[in-house]
Amino acid sequence: MISELGKAAETLVVERNDDMISSRLLELRVKIHDENYVNNAIQRIAQVISRKLVEDPNEFLFRE
């Protein structure tokens, strides 16, 4: 299913390739359908949040 979505994203990029959409955004639209890319991105986010929690546990507390 991921590969089908990736193909659809590639088609979308080709159809929407105009000056109003940055090349970086077009690149990310394709990558978001790559399961490995998404898994690695989630892992990186989890590592950053974990590191922040260890450094300052109060940083993510809800504040009023």
PDB file of N, CA and C in Angstrom:
ATOM      1  N   MET A   1       0.819  -1.192   0.000  1.00  0.00           N
ATOM      2  CA  MET A   1       0.000   0.000   0.000  1.00  0.00           C
ATOM      3  C   MET A   1       0.863   1.255   0.000  1.00  0.00           C
ATOM      4  N   ILE A   2       1.973   1.227   0.720  1.00  0.00           N
ATOM      5  CA  ILE A   2       2.857   2.381   0.759  1.00  0.00           C
ATOM      6  C   ILE A   2       3.370   2.704  -0.637  1.00  0.00           C
ATOM      7  N   SER A   3       3.746   1.685  -1.398  1.00  0.00           N
ATOM      8  CA  SER A   3       4.276   1.943  -2.729  1.00  0.00           C
ATOM      9  C   SER A   3       3.222   2.575  -3.633  1.00  0.00           C
ATOM     10  N   GLU A   4       1.970   2.171  -3.484  1.00  0.00           N
ATOM     11  CA  GLU A   4       0.897   2.783  -4.273  1.00  0.00           C
ATOM     12  C   GLU A   4       0.734   4.249  -3.910  1.00  0.00           C
ATOM     13  N   LEU A   5       0.801   4.551  -2.616  1.00  0.00           N
ATOM     14  CA  LEU A   5       0.706   5.945  -2.186  1.00  0.00           C
ATOM     15  C   LEU A   5       1.897   6.748  -2.684  1.00  0.00           C
ATOM     16  N   GLY A   6       3.063   6.131  -2.660  1.00  0.00           N
ATOM     17  CA  GLY A   6       4.260   6.798  -3.164  1.00  0.00           C
ATOM     18  C   GLY A   6       4.130   7.145  -4.631  1.00  0.00           C
ATOM     19  N   LYS A   7       3.570   6.220  -5.406  1.00  0.00           N
ATOM     20  CA  LYS A   7       3.356   6.485  -6.827  1.00  0.00           C
ATOM     21  C   LYS A   7       2.354   7.611  -7.011  1.00  0.00           C
ATOM     22  N   ALA A   8       1.311   7.628  -6.199  1.00  0.00           N
ATOM     23  CA  ALA A   8       0.324   8.697  -6.279  1.00  0.00           C
ATOM     24  C   ALA A   8       0.965  10.033  -5.929  1.00  0.00           C
ATOM     25  N   ALA A   9       1.846  10.029  -4.937  1.00  0.00           N
ATOM     26  CA  ALA A   9       2.529  11.263  -4.535  1.00  0.00           C
ATOM     27  C   ALA A   9       3.431  11.765  -5.656  1.00  0.00           C
ATOM     28  N   GLU A  10       4.120  10.840  -6.316  1.00  0.00           N
ATOM     29  CA  GLU A  10       4.971  11.239  -7.424  1.00  0.00           C
ATOM     30  C   GLU A  10       4.141  11.861  -8.536  1.00  0.00           C
ATOM     31  N   THR A  11       2.994  11.298  -8.798  1.00  0.00           N
ATOM     32  CA  THR A  11       2.100  11.852  -9.808  1.00  0.00           C
ATOM     33  C   THR A  11       1.641  13.237  -9.395  1.00  0.00           C
ATOM     34  N   LEU A  12       1.293  13.386  -8.125  1.00  0.00           N
ATOM     35  CA  LEU A  12       0.857  14.676  -7.609  1.00  0.00           C
ATOM     36  C   LEU A  12       1.959  15.712  -7.776  1.00  0.00           C
ATOM     37  N   VAL A  13       3.184  15.321  -7.491  1.00  0.00           N
ATOM     38  CA  VAL A  13       4.307  16.244  -7.626  1.00  0.00           C
ATOM     39  C   VAL A  13       4.441  16.699  -9.068  1.00  0.00           C
ATOM     40  N   VAL A  14       4.332  15.775  -9.986  1.00  0.00           N
ATOM     41  CA  VAL A  14       4.448  16.129 -11.401  1.00  0.00           C
ATOM     42  C   VAL A  14       3.321  17.075 -11.809  1.00  0.00           C
ATOM     43  N   GLU A  15       2.111  16.793 -11.358  1.00  0.00           N
ATOM     44  CA  GLU A  15       0.971  17.623 -11.730  1.00  0.00           C
ATOM     45  C   GLU A  15       1.019  18.994 -11.081  1.00  0.00           C
ATOM     46  N   ARG A  16       1.565  19.097  -9.877  1.00  0.00           N
ATOM     47  CA  ARG A  16       1.558  20.348  -9.131  1.00  0.00           C
ATOM     48  C   ARG A  16       2.901  21.076  -9.206  1.00  0.00           C
ATOM     49  N   ASN A  17       3.777  20.674 -10.079  1.00  0.00           N
ATOM     50  CA  ASN A  17       5.107  21.272 -10.156  1.00  0.00           C
ATOM     51  C   ASN A  17       5.025  22.665 -10.774  1.00  0.00           C
ATOM     52  N   ASP A  18       4.749  23.657  -9.924  1.00  0.00           N
ATOM     53  CA  ASP A  18       4.719  25.030 -10.395  1.00  0.00           C
ATOM     54  C   ASP A  18       5.581  25.891  -9.484  1.00  0.00           C
ATOM     55  N   ASP A  19       5.714  27.166  -9.798  1.00  0.00           N
ATOM     56  CA  ASP A  19       6.595  28.060  -9.055  1.00  0.00           C
ATOM     57  C   ASP A  19       6.101  28.350  -7.648  1.00  0.00           C
ATOM     58  N   MET A  20       4.830  28.107  -7.366  1.00  0.00           N
ATOM     59  CA  MET A  20       4.265  28.423  -6.065  1.00  0.00           C
ATOM     60  C   MET A  20       4.635  27.390  -5.003  1.00  0.00           C
ATOM     61  N   ILE A  21       5.085  26.198  -5.405  1.00  0.00           N
ATOM     62  CA  ILE A  21       5.436  25.142  -4.472  1.00  0.00           C
ATOM     63  C   ILE A  21       6.950  24.963  -4.505  1.00  0.00           C
ATOM     64  N   SER A  22       7.578  25.075  -3.330  1.00  0.00           N
ATOM     65  CA  SER A  22       9.032  24.953  -3.274  1.00  0.00           C
ATOM     66  C   SER A  22       9.474  23.528  -3.587  1.00  0.00           C
ATOM     67  N   SER A  23      10.684  23.391  -4.077  1.00  0.00           N
ATOM     68  CA  SER A  23      11.214  22.066  -4.389  1.00  0.00           C
ATOM     69  C   SER A  23      11.355  21.227  -3.120  1.00  0.00           C
ATOM     70  N   ARG A  24      11.640  21.867  -1.985  1.00  0.00           N
ATOM     71  CA  ARG A  24      11.756  21.144  -0.718  1.00  0.00           C
ATOM     72  C   ARG A  24      10.407  20.539  -0.329  1.00  0.00           C
ATOM     73  N   LEU A  25       9.334  21.300  -0.499  1.00  0.00           N
ATOM     74  CA  LEU A  25       8.002  20.796  -0.187  1.00  0.00           C
ATOM     75  C   LEU A  25       7.639  19.626  -1.101  1.00  0.00           C
ATOM     76  N   LEU A  26       7.953  19.738  -2.357  1.00  0.00           N
ATOM     77  CA  LEU A  26       7.693  18.642  -3.292  1.00  0.00           C
ATOM     78  C   LEU A  26       8.468  17.390  -2.891  1.00  0.00           C
ATOM     79  N   GLU A  27       9.724  17.571  -2.475  1.00  0.00           N
ATOM     80  CA  GLU A  27      10.551  16.446  -2.040  1.00  0.00           C
ATOM     81  C   GLU A  27       9.948  15.772  -0.798  1.00  0.00           C
ATOM     82  N   LEU A  28       9.481  16.581   0.150  1.00  0.00           N
ATOM     83  CA  LEU A  28       8.893  16.024   1.369  1.00  0.00           C
ATOM     84  C   LEU A  28       7.570  15.324   1.104  1.00  0.00           C
ATOM     85  N   ARG A  29       6.809  15.796   0.136  1.00  0.00           N
ATOM     86  CA  ARG A  29       5.550  15.122  -0.213  1.00  0.00           C
ATOM     87  C   ARG A  29       5.801  13.705  -0.697  1.00  0.00           C
ATOM     88  N   VAL A  30       6.893  13.496  -1.386  1.00  0.00           N
ATOM     89  CA  VAL A  30       7.231  12.148  -1.843  1.00  0.00           C
ATOM     90  C   VAL A  30       7.757  11.314  -0.677  1.00  0.00           C
ATOM     91  N   LYS A  31       8.640  11.917   0.142  1.00  0.00           N
ATOM     92  CA  LYS A  31       9.250  11.180   1.252  1.00  0.00           C
ATOM     93  C   LYS A  31       8.233  10.724   2.289  1.00  0.00           C
ATOM     94  N   ILE A  32       7.182  11.479   2.494  1.00  0.00           N
ATOM     95  CA  ILE A  32       6.216  11.149   3.545  1.00  0.00           C
ATOM     96  C   ILE A  32       5.528   9.804   3.281  1.00  0.00           C
ATOM     97  N   HIS A  33       5.597   9.329   2.060  1.00  0.00           N
ATOM     98  CA  HIS A  33       4.998   8.036   1.713  1.00  0.00           C
ATOM     99  C   HIS A  33       6.012   6.887   1.772  1.00  0.00           C
ATOM    100  N   ASP A  34       7.246   7.205   2.171  1.00  0.00           N
ATOM    101  CA  ASP A  34       8.295   6.197   2.314  1.00  0.00           C
ATOM    102  C   ASP A  34       8.305   5.733   3.771  1.00  0.00           C
ATOM    103  N   GLU A  35       7.937   4.491   3.992  1.00  0.00           N
ATOM    104  CA  GLU A  35       7.794   3.964   5.349  1.00  0.00           C
ATOM    105  C   GLU A  35       9.087   4.090   6.150  1.00  0.00           C
ATOM    106  N   ASN A  36      10.230   3.820   5.540  1.00  0.00           N
ATOM    107  CA  ASN A  36      11.508   3.946   6.241  1.00  0.00           C
ATOM    108  C   ASN A  36      11.779   5.387   6.648  1.00  0.00           C
ATOM    109  N   TYR A  37      11.493   6.328   5.771  1.00  0.00           N
ATOM    110  CA  TYR A  37      11.692   7.746   6.081  1.00  0.00           C
ATOM    111  C   TYR A  37      10.836   8.158   7.275  1.00  0.00           C
ATOM    112  N   VAL A  38       9.571   7.770   7.272  1.00  0.00           N
ATOM    113  CA  VAL A  38       8.659   8.130   8.361  1.00  0.00           C
ATOM    114  C   VAL A  38       9.112   7.480   9.675  1.00  0.00           C
ATOM    115  N   ASN A  39       9.492   6.216   9.637  1.00  0.00           N
ATOM    116  CA  ASN A  39       9.967   5.540  10.848  1.00  0.00           C
ATOM    117  C   ASN A  39      11.217   6.211  11.410  1.00  0.00           C
ATOM    118  N   ASN A  40      12.152   6.578  10.542  1.00  0.00           N
ATOM    119  CA  ASN A  40      13.364   7.261  10.998  1.00  0.00           C
ATOM    120  C   ASN A  40      13.040   8.639  11.568  1.00  0.00           C
ATOM    121  N   ALA A  41      12.117   9.342  10.956  1.00  0.00           N
ATOM    122  CA  ALA A  41      11.722  10.663  11.454  1.00  0.00           C
ATOM    123  C   ALA A  41      11.094  10.548  12.842  1.00  0.00           C
ATOM    124  N   ILE A  42      10.239   9.566  13.028  1.00  0.00           N
ATOM    125  CA  ILE A  42       9.616   9.348  14.339  1.00  0.00           C
ATOM    126  C   ILE A  42      10.685   9.014  15.370  1.00  0.00           C
ATOM    127  N   GLN A  43      11.643   8.191  15.004  1.00  0.00           N
ATOM    128  CA  GLN A  43      12.728   7.824  15.920  1.00  0.00           C
ATOM    129  C   GLN A  43      13.537   9.056  16.314  1.00  0.00           C
ATOM    130  N   ARG A  44      13.844   9.920  15.349  1.00  0.00           N
ATOM    131  CA  ARG A  44      14.605  11.144  15.652  1.00  0.00           C
ATOM    132  C   ARG A  44      13.828  12.056  16.592  1.00  0.00           C
ATOM    133  N   ILE A  45      12.536  12.204  16.345  1.00  0.00           N
ATOM    134  CA  ILE A  45      11.691  13.046  17.211  1.00  0.00           C
ATOM    135  C   ILE A  45      11.675  12.479  18.628  1.00  0.00           C
ATOM    136  N   ALA A  46      11.525  11.165  18.754  1.00  0.00           N
ATOM    137  CA  ALA A  46      11.503  10.525  20.076  1.00  0.00           C
ATOM    138  C   ALA A  46      12.835  10.730  20.798  1.00  0.00           C
ATOM    139  N   GLN A  47      13.938  10.657  20.078  1.00  0.00           N
ATOM    140  CA  GLN A  47      15.246  10.860  20.697  1.00  0.00           C
ATOM    141  C   GLN A  47      15.406  12.292  21.203  1.00  0.00           C
ATOM    142  N   VAL A  48      14.963  13.262  20.420  1.00  0.00           N
ATOM    143  CA  VAL A  48      15.064  14.669  20.830  1.00  0.00           C
ATOM    144  C   VAL A  48      14.215  14.919  22.071  1.00  0.00           C
ATOM    145  N   ILE A  49      12.981  14.425  22.059  1.00  0.00           N
ATOM    146  CA  ILE A  49      12.098  14.621  23.211  1.00  0.00           C
ATOM    147  C   ILE A  49      12.665  13.922  24.443  1.00  0.00           C
ATOM    148  N   SER A  50      13.178  12.707  24.287  1.00  0.00           N
ATOM    149  CA  SER A  50      13.770  11.985  25.414  1.00  0.00           C
ATOM    150  C   SER A  50      14.955  12.741  25.984  1.00  0.00           C
ATOM    151  N   ARG A  51      15.811  13.255  25.115  1.00  0.00           N
ATOM    152  CA  ARG A  51      16.976  14.009  25.574  1.00  0.00           C
ATOM    153  C   ARG A  51      16.546  15.264  26.330  1.00  0.00           C
ATOM    154  N   LYS A  52      15.537  15.966  25.808  1.00  0.00           N
ATOM    155  CA  LYS A  52      15.027  17.168  26.478  1.00  0.00           C
ATOM    156  C   LYS A  52      14.441  16.819  27.843  1.00  0.00           C
ATOM    157  N   LEU A  53      13.728  15.714  27.935  1.00  0.00           N
ATOM    158  CA  LEU A  53      13.138  15.297  29.210  1.00  0.00           C
ATOM    159  C   LEU A  53      14.207  14.972  30.250  1.00  0.00           C
ATOM    160  N   VAL A  54      15.307  14.382  29.803  1.00  0.00           N
ATOM    161  CA  VAL A  54      16.397  14.059  30.723  1.00  0.00           C
ATOM    162  C   VAL A  54      17.090  15.342  31.177  1.00  0.00           C
ATOM    163  N   GLU A  55      17.290  16.274  30.259  1.00  0.00           N
ATOM    164  CA  GLU A  55      17.965  17.530  30.587  1.00  0.00           C
ATOM    165  C   GLU A  55      17.109  18.417  31.480  1.00  0.00           C
ATOM    166  N   ASP A  56      15.805  18.538  31.162  1.00  0.00           N
ATOM    167  CA  ASP A  56      14.910  19.411  31.925  1.00  0.00           C
ATOM    168  C   ASP A  56      13.522  18.790  31.979  1.00  0.00           C
ATOM    169  N   PRO A  57      13.268  17.960  32.994  1.00  0.00           N
ATOM    170  CA  PRO A  57      11.979  17.240  33.083  1.00  0.00           C
ATOM    171  C   PRO A  57      10.771  18.170  33.163  1.00  0.00           C
ATOM    172  N   ASN A  58      10.937  19.395  33.616  1.00  0.00           N
ATOM    173  CA  ASN A  58       9.818  20.323  33.755  1.00  0.00           C
ATOM    174  C   ASN A  58       9.471  21.051  32.451  1.00  0.00           C
ATOM    175  N   GLU A  59      10.292  20.894  31.445  1.00  0.00           N
ATOM    176  CA  GLU A  59      10.090  21.628  30.195  1.00  0.00           C
ATOM    177  C   GLU A  59       8.765  21.290  29.516  1.00  0.00           C
ATOM    178  N   PHE A  60       8.314  20.057  29.636  1.00  0.00           N
ATOM    179  CA  PHE A  60       7.103  19.630  28.938  1.00  0.00           C
ATOM    180  C   PHE A  60       5.865  19.580  29.833  1.00  0.00           C
ATOM    181  N   LEU A  61       5.974  20.136  31.025  1.00  0.00           N
ATOM    182  CA  LEU A  61       4.805  20.186  31.898  1.00  0.00           C
ATOM    183  C   LEU A  61       3.822  21.231  31.401  1.00  0.00           C
ATOM    184  N   PHE A  62       2.554  20.973  31.599  1.00  0.00           N
ATOM    185  CA  PHE A  62       1.532  21.958  31.233  1.00  0.00           C
ATOM    186  C   PHE A  62       1.607  23.130  32.183  1.00  0.00           C
ATOM    187  N   ARG A  63       1.509  24.312  31.619  1.00  0.00           N
ATOM    188  CA  ARG A  63       1.577  25.528  32.442  1.00  0.00           C
ATOM    189  C   ARG A  63       0.274  26.274  32.339  1.00  0.00           C
ATOM    190  N   GLU A  64      -0.084  26.944  33.425  1.00  0.00           N
ATOM    191  CA  GLU A  64      -1.310  27.744  33.420  1.00  0.00           C
ATOM    192  C   GLU A  64      -1.000  29.209  33.262  1.00  0.00           C
TER     193      GLU A  64
END
